[in-house]
Amino acid sequence: MEESESGGMTAWIPLVDGAERLGVLAVHAPSLTPAVLRRGRALATLLAMMITSTRAYQDSFVRRTRANPMRLPAEMLRAFLPPRTIGTRHVVSTAVLEPAYEIGGDAFDHSLTDTTLHATVLDAMGHDPASGLTTAVSLAACRNARRTGADLPELVECVDDALAHWLPDQFCTGVLAQLDLASGILRWSNCGHPAPLLIRDQRLLVDAMRRDPDPPMGLPSLLAGRQRQTHEIALKPGDRVLMYTDGVTEARGSDGAEFGLEQFADYIIRATAAGELAPETLRRLIHSILDSSTSRLRDDATILMFEWSRPAR
């Protein structure tokens, strides 16, 4: 709440769809009484539902949220992406993907069932429509296998087969993970990708999730004849897991130096210590990389972070 320049008061009320924050609503009034705030919250809830139910087919919403024209690979991948944030009382998963209008091969996916959080980060070879198509096929194969009840090794195998059949000259790196919501057991497969990071008790557990990666997904993996590995770790309540592409750590800051893994982890740790919510942490992180006039991304940058807390028994 703040004083309005034209007199009176303004309340900024978040527009929320589940765990995803869509924006804010400004409510102006001579004074912010309990009745005004109650009506403002009700209006914000209604607007959030209206936006969510119509933005999939009304281009006016999309046009109003874009500052620049979007390149074709980015347009294609954006159509496949889920909401940025999903969650329940016991787990929240949130992601960012930049540059918003020029992405070529990066993507993320996350979904929830009654028992499991599924999370995926992908990075396809190249920065052209072929790389966007590679990622789109990988996402579709991943979801198709997941929705038919495939276990993690079968899910990765489905992506391998789809790419080998439809795009034999392309490959895709990625981390595919499944978190059991009741026990906190996290299983993942690393297909030629940077290892996920585990932050516990406001510190980075170095190499906690580092394993020898498998080959990237696609025909090269099938030709290698090597069986995919599934790794496992037990999370503790409050743990945050970060899955990312190398465009994040290779980003250049205002001093020309790479952002780097340590600075990346340190930012998340500081935000956790300050009590920031997961979506706000990633929003501020990506803006800290992009807002400087001299900062730049050398590659697509994708971050997916989830936080788990044990359900009450």
Protein backbone atom coordinates (compact mmCIF):
# COMPACT_ATOMS: atom_id res chain seq x y z
CA MET A 1 0.00 0.00 0.00
CA GLU A 2 1.19 3.52 -0.77
CA GLU A 3 -0.01 7.09 -1.09
CA SER A 4 -1.31 7.92 -4.57
CA GLU A 5 0.19 10.88 -6.49
CA SER A 6 -3.35 12.05 -7.31
CA GLY A 7 -4.44 11.84 -3.70
CA GLY A 8 -5.83 9.01 -1.64
CA MET A 9 -4.24 5.59 -1.36
CA THR A 10 -3.30 2.76 -3.71
CA ALA A 11 -3.23 -0.93 -2.83
CA TRP A 12 -1.33 -3.32 -5.09
CA ILE A 13 -3.01 -6.73 -4.96
CA PRO A 14 -1.40 -9.80 -6.60
CA LEU A 15 -3.24 -11.69 -9.34
CA VAL A 16 -2.68 -15.35 -8.48
CA ASP A 17 -3.63 -18.54 -10.31
CA GLY A 18 -2.83 -21.38 -7.95
CA ALA A 19 0.86 -20.83 -7.22
CA GLU A 20 1.53 -18.72 -10.34
CA ARG A 21 1.57 -14.94 -10.02
CA LEU A 22 0.13 -13.35 -13.15
CA GLY A 23 0.60 -9.70 -12.22
CA VAL A 24 -0.83 -7.07 -9.87
CA LEU A 25 -4.02 -5.05 -9.64
CA ALA A 26 -3.92 -1.40 -8.52
CA VAL A 27 -6.89 -0.36 -6.38
CA HIS A 28 -7.25 3.40 -5.83
CA ALA A 29 -9.49 4.80 -3.09
CA PRO A 30 -9.66 7.88 -0.82
CA SER A 31 -8.83 5.54 2.05
CA LEU A 32 -8.14 1.81 2.24
CA THR A 33 -10.85 0.55 4.52
CA PRO A 34 -11.36 -3.16 5.24
CA ALA A 35 -14.34 -3.13 2.86
CA VAL A 36 -12.25 -1.64 0.02
CA LEU A 37 -9.49 -4.18 0.53
CA ARG A 38 -11.98 -7.06 0.69
CA ARG A 39 -13.60 -5.98 -2.60
CA GLY A 40 -10.17 -5.46 -4.16
CA ARG A 41 -9.07 -8.99 -3.27
CA ALA A 42 -12.32 -10.40 -4.64
CA LEU A 43 -11.83 -8.48 -7.89
CA ALA A 44 -8.20 -9.70 -8.13
CA THR A 45 -9.36 -13.30 -7.71
CA LEU A 46 -11.96 -12.86 -10.45
CA LEU A 47 -9.52 -11.19 -12.84
CA ALA A 48 -6.95 -13.95 -12.33
CA MET A 49 -9.52 -16.59 -13.26
CA MET A 50 -10.63 -14.58 -16.32
CA ILE A 51 -7.06 -14.16 -17.57
CA THR A 52 -6.21 -17.82 -17.01
CA SER A 53 -9.35 -19.06 -18.80
CA THR A 54 -8.96 -16.81 -21.87
CA ARG A 55 -5.24 -16.18 -22.44
CA ALA A 56 -4.83 -19.50 -24.30
CA TYR A 57 -7.03 -18.27 -27.16
CA GLN A 58 -7.13 -14.46 -26.88
CA ASP A 59 -4.07 -12.92 -28.50
CA SER A 60 -4.84 -9.53 -26.96
CA PHE A 61 -3.48 -10.76 -23.61
CA VAL A 62 -0.30 -12.02 -25.28
CA ARG A 63 0.28 -8.79 -27.23
CA ARG A 64 -0.09 -6.68 -24.11
CA THR A 65 2.56 -8.67 -22.25
CA ARG A 66 5.20 -8.47 -25.01
CA ALA A 67 7.66 -5.65 -25.44
CA ASN A 68 9.23 -6.92 -28.70
CA PRO A 69 8.43 -9.24 -31.62
CA MET A 70 9.17 -12.90 -30.85
CA ARG A 71 11.34 -15.06 -33.09
CA LEU A 72 9.82 -18.22 -34.55
CA PRO A 73 11.79 -20.76 -32.42
CA ALA A 74 10.81 -18.87 -29.28
CA GLU A 75 7.16 -18.69 -30.38
CA MET A 76 7.13 -22.42 -31.02
CA LEU A 77 8.61 -23.33 -27.64
CA ARG A 78 6.50 -20.85 -25.67
CA ALA A 79 3.40 -22.65 -26.92
CA PHE A 80 4.65 -25.83 -25.21
CA LEU A 81 5.73 -24.38 -21.87
CA PRO A 82 3.66 -24.93 -18.70
CA PRO A 83 2.91 -22.17 -16.14
CA ARG A 84 6.06 -20.72 -14.62
CA THR A 85 5.06 -21.74 -11.10
CA ILE A 86 3.13 -24.73 -9.79
CA GLY A 87 2.81 -26.08 -6.30
CA THR A 88 0.95 -27.27 -3.24
CA ARG A 89 1.44 -26.67 0.49
CA HIS A 90 4.33 -29.15 0.42
CA VAL A 91 6.20 -28.40 -2.80
CA VAL A 92 6.68 -25.41 -5.08
CA SER A 93 8.37 -25.56 -8.48
CA THR A 94 9.17 -22.39 -10.39
CA ALA A 95 11.16 -21.58 -13.54
CA VAL A 96 12.46 -18.75 -15.72
CA LEU A 97 13.65 -18.82 -19.32
CA GLU A 98 15.55 -16.00 -21.04
CA PRO A 99 16.01 -14.28 -23.44
CA ALA A 100 12.23 -14.26 -23.71
CA TYR A 101 12.02 -13.38 -27.41
CA GLU A 102 15.00 -15.21 -28.88
CA ILE A 103 15.25 -18.63 -27.20
CA GLY A 104 16.19 -21.44 -29.52
CA GLY A 105 16.73 -24.74 -27.72
CA ASP A 106 16.09 -24.34 -23.98
CA ALA A 107 12.88 -25.41 -22.27
CA PHE A 108 11.52 -26.54 -18.92
CA ASP A 109 8.58 -28.64 -17.84
CA HIS A 110 7.01 -29.47 -14.49
CA SER A 111 3.80 -31.15 -13.41
CA LEU A 112 2.15 -32.57 -10.29
CA THR A 113 0.24 -35.73 -9.48
CA ASP A 114 -1.13 -36.71 -6.08
CA THR A 115 2.19 -38.35 -5.22
CA THR A 116 4.92 -36.90 -7.47
CA LEU A 117 6.49 -33.75 -8.80
CA HIS A 118 7.90 -34.21 -12.30
CA ALA A 119 10.55 -31.66 -13.35
CA THR A 120 12.59 -31.38 -16.56
CA VAL A 121 15.13 -28.96 -18.05
CA LEU A 122 16.22 -29.39 -21.68
CA ASP A 123 18.87 -27.82 -23.91
CA ALA A 124 18.89 -28.78 -27.60
CA MET A 125 21.83 -28.46 -29.96
CA GLY A 126 21.93 -25.20 -31.93
CA HIS A 127 20.04 -21.90 -31.97
CA ASP A 128 17.71 -22.23 -34.95
CA PRO A 129 14.23 -23.60 -35.76
CA ALA A 130 15.70 -27.12 -35.81
CA SER A 131 16.81 -26.78 -32.19
CA GLY A 132 13.38 -25.48 -31.21
CA LEU A 133 11.78 -28.43 -32.98
CA THR A 134 14.16 -30.81 -31.20
CA THR A 135 13.13 -29.44 -27.82
CA ALA A 136 9.44 -29.49 -28.75
CA VAL A 137 9.63 -33.16 -29.76
CA SER A 138 11.54 -33.97 -26.56
CA LEU A 139 8.91 -32.22 -24.42
CA ALA A 140 6.06 -33.97 -26.22
CA ALA A 141 7.72 -37.40 -25.87
CA CYS A 142 8.41 -36.74 -22.19
CA ARG A 143 4.81 -35.77 -21.48
CA ASN A 144 3.38 -38.62 -23.52
CA ALA A 145 5.42 -41.18 -21.58
CA ARG A 146 4.66 -39.52 -18.25
CA ARG A 147 0.90 -39.49 -18.89
CA THR A 148 0.91 -43.21 -19.67
CA GLY A 149 2.55 -43.98 -16.32
CA ALA A 150 6.11 -44.55 -17.54
CA ASP A 151 8.81 -44.75 -14.89
CA LEU A 152 11.85 -42.48 -15.18
CA PRO A 153 14.10 -44.84 -17.22
CA GLU A 154 11.25 -45.56 -19.64
CA LEU A 155 10.53 -41.85 -19.94
CA VAL A 156 14.10 -41.06 -20.99
CA GLU A 157 14.03 -43.99 -23.41
CA CYS A 158 10.88 -42.57 -25.04
CA VAL A 159 12.67 -39.26 -25.67
CA ASP A 160 15.65 -41.14 -27.14
CA ASP A 161 13.38 -43.09 -29.48
CA ALA A 162 11.36 -40.04 -30.57
CA LEU A 163 14.44 -38.02 -31.48
CA ALA A 164 16.11 -40.97 -33.20
CA HIS A 165 13.00 -41.56 -35.29
CA TRP A 166 11.98 -38.01 -36.18
CA LEU A 167 15.21 -35.98 -35.89
CA PRO A 168 18.16 -38.38 -36.17
CA ASP A 169 20.65 -35.56 -36.80
CA GLN A 170 19.70 -33.70 -33.61
CA PHE A 171 20.34 -34.32 -29.93
CA CYS A 172 19.27 -32.78 -26.65
CA THR A 173 20.83 -32.63 -23.19
CA GLY A 174 18.66 -32.53 -20.10
CA VAL A 175 17.90 -33.47 -16.53
CA LEU A 176 14.65 -35.34 -15.88
CA ALA A 177 13.58 -35.74 -12.26
CA GLN A 178 10.79 -37.19 -10.14
CA LEU A 179 10.23 -36.20 -6.50
CA ASP A 180 8.13 -38.37 -4.19
CA LEU A 181 6.08 -35.84 -2.25
CA ALA A 182 5.55 -38.01 0.82
CA SER A 183 9.11 -39.23 1.43
CA GLY A 184 11.23 -36.55 -0.25
CA ILE A 185 13.07 -39.17 -2.32
CA LEU A 186 14.34 -37.49 -5.50
CA ARG A 187 15.22 -39.62 -8.53
CA TRP A 188 16.84 -38.12 -11.61
CA SER A 189 18.59 -38.92 -14.86
CA ASN A 190 21.31 -36.64 -16.25
CA CYS A 191 21.66 -36.79 -20.03
CA GLY A 192 24.84 -34.83 -20.80
CA HIS A 193 23.72 -31.82 -18.77
CA PRO A 194 25.13 -29.68 -15.91
CA ALA A 195 24.51 -31.41 -12.59
CA PRO A 196 21.63 -30.08 -10.42
CA LEU A 197 22.50 -28.12 -7.28
CA LEU A 198 21.22 -28.87 -3.78
CA ILE A 199 20.90 -26.06 -1.22
CA ARG A 200 20.29 -27.16 2.38
CA ASP A 201 20.31 -25.09 5.56
CA GLN A 202 21.37 -21.99 3.60
CA ARG A 203 24.48 -23.56 2.09
CA LEU A 204 25.39 -25.32 -1.12
CA LEU A 205 26.14 -29.01 -0.71
CA VAL A 206 28.97 -29.21 -3.19
CA ASP A 207 28.75 -32.18 -5.58
CA ALA A 208 25.75 -33.64 -3.68
CA MET A 209 24.03 -34.36 -7.00
CA ARG A 210 27.05 -34.63 -9.25
CA ARG A 211 27.20 -37.97 -11.07
CA ASP A 212 28.83 -39.12 -14.28
CA PRO A 213 26.36 -37.93 -16.94
CA ASP A 214 24.87 -40.20 -19.57
CA PRO A 215 25.09 -39.26 -23.28
CA PRO A 216 22.63 -36.63 -24.60
CA MET A 217 19.22 -37.85 -25.67
CA GLY A 218 18.73 -38.92 -29.28
CA LEU A 219 20.33 -41.26 -31.77
CA PRO A 220 23.89 -40.88 -30.35
CA SER A 221 22.70 -42.39 -27.08
CA LEU A 222 21.06 -45.35 -28.80
CA LEU A 223 24.20 -45.99 -30.85
CA ALA A 224 26.36 -45.86 -27.71
CA GLY A 225 24.56 -48.94 -26.36
CA ARG A 226 24.95 -47.72 -22.79
CA GLN A 227 22.14 -48.24 -20.29
CA ARG A 228 20.74 -45.08 -18.76
CA GLN A 229 21.46 -44.46 -15.08
CA THR A 230 18.89 -43.36 -12.50
CA HIS A 231 20.24 -41.59 -9.41
CA GLU A 232 18.56 -41.09 -6.03
CA ILE A 233 18.90 -38.79 -3.05
CA ALA A 234 16.78 -38.13 0.05
CA LEU A 235 15.76 -34.50 0.50
CA LYS A 236 15.18 -32.82 3.83
CA PRO A 237 12.34 -30.36 4.51
CA GLY A 238 13.27 -26.91 3.18
CA ASP A 239 15.77 -28.20 0.61
CA ARG A 240 15.93 -26.30 -2.67
CA VAL A 241 17.06 -28.07 -5.86
CA LEU A 242 18.19 -26.07 -8.89
CA MET A 243 18.22 -27.42 -12.43
CA TYR A 244 19.69 -25.06 -15.01
CA THR A 245 21.31 -24.67 -18.41
CA ASP A 246 24.86 -23.43 -18.88
CA GLY A 247 23.59 -20.12 -20.28
CA VAL A 248 23.04 -19.05 -16.65
CA THR A 249 26.57 -19.65 -15.38
CA GLU A 250 28.13 -18.35 -18.64
CA ALA A 251 26.24 -15.05 -18.55
CA ARG A 252 28.48 -11.97 -18.44
CA GLY A 253 28.03 -9.33 -15.75
CA SER A 254 28.65 -5.61 -15.93
CA ASP A 255 32.37 -6.20 -15.30
CA GLY A 256 32.61 -8.65 -18.20
CA ALA A 257 33.20 -11.62 -15.91
CA GLU A 258 31.12 -14.77 -16.09
CA PHE A 259 28.29 -15.06 -13.56
CA GLY A 260 29.66 -18.46 -12.55
CA LEU A 261 28.36 -21.34 -10.49
CA GLU A 262 29.44 -19.96 -7.10
CA GLN A 263 27.77 -16.58 -7.62
CA PHE A 264 24.66 -18.34 -8.92
CA ALA A 265 24.40 -20.54 -5.82
CA ASP A 266 25.29 -17.66 -3.48
CA TYR A 267 22.41 -15.57 -4.82
CA ILE A 268 19.92 -18.36 -4.13
CA ILE A 269 21.36 -18.92 -0.63
CA ARG A 270 21.06 -15.24 0.27
CA ALA A 271 17.49 -15.12 -1.03
CA THR A 272 16.62 -18.23 0.99
CA ALA A 273 18.10 -16.69 4.14
CA ALA A 274 16.04 -13.53 3.52
CA GLY A 275 12.85 -15.59 3.35
CA GLU A 276 12.10 -14.85 -0.31
CA LEU A 277 9.55 -17.07 -1.99
CA ALA A 278 10.93 -19.29 -4.74
CA PRO A 279 9.25 -17.45 -7.69
CA GLU A 280 10.47 -14.08 -6.42
CA THR A 281 13.99 -15.44 -5.98
CA LEU A 282 14.24 -16.49 -9.63
CA ARG A 283 12.60 -13.31 -10.89
CA ARG A 284 15.13 -11.16 -9.06
CA LEU A 285 18.01 -13.42 -10.08
CA ILE A 286 17.31 -13.26 -13.80
CA HIS A 287 16.77 -9.49 -13.62
CA SER A 288 20.09 -9.09 -11.83
CA ILE A 289 21.71 -10.70 -14.88
CA LEU A 290 19.69 -8.83 -17.52
CA ASP A 291 19.11 -5.35 -16.08
CA SER A 292 22.68 -4.06 -16.35
CA SER A 293 23.24 -2.18 -19.60
CA THR A 294 26.47 -4.09 -20.17
CA SER A 295 25.34 -7.54 -19.04
CA ARG A 296 24.55 -10.10 -21.71
CA LEU A 297 23.61 -13.71 -22.20
CA ARG A 298 25.87 -15.77 -24.41
CA ASP A 299 23.28 -18.54 -24.63
CA ASP A 300 19.71 -19.32 -23.60
CA ALA A 301 19.41 -19.29 -19.81
CA THR A 302 16.90 -21.53 -18.03
CA ILE A 303 16.51 -22.15 -14.30
CA LEU A 304 14.02 -24.45 -12.61
CA MET A 305 13.97 -24.56 -8.82
CA PHE A 306 11.78 -26.58 -6.50
CA GLU A 307 11.46 -26.57 -2.72
CA TRP A 308 10.07 -29.47 -0.69
CA SER A 309 8.55 -29.65 2.77
CA ARG A 310 7.39 -32.87 4.40
CA PRO A 311 3.60 -33.35 4.53
CA ALA A 312 2.11 -33.57 8.03
CA ARG A 313 1.35 -37.11 9.11
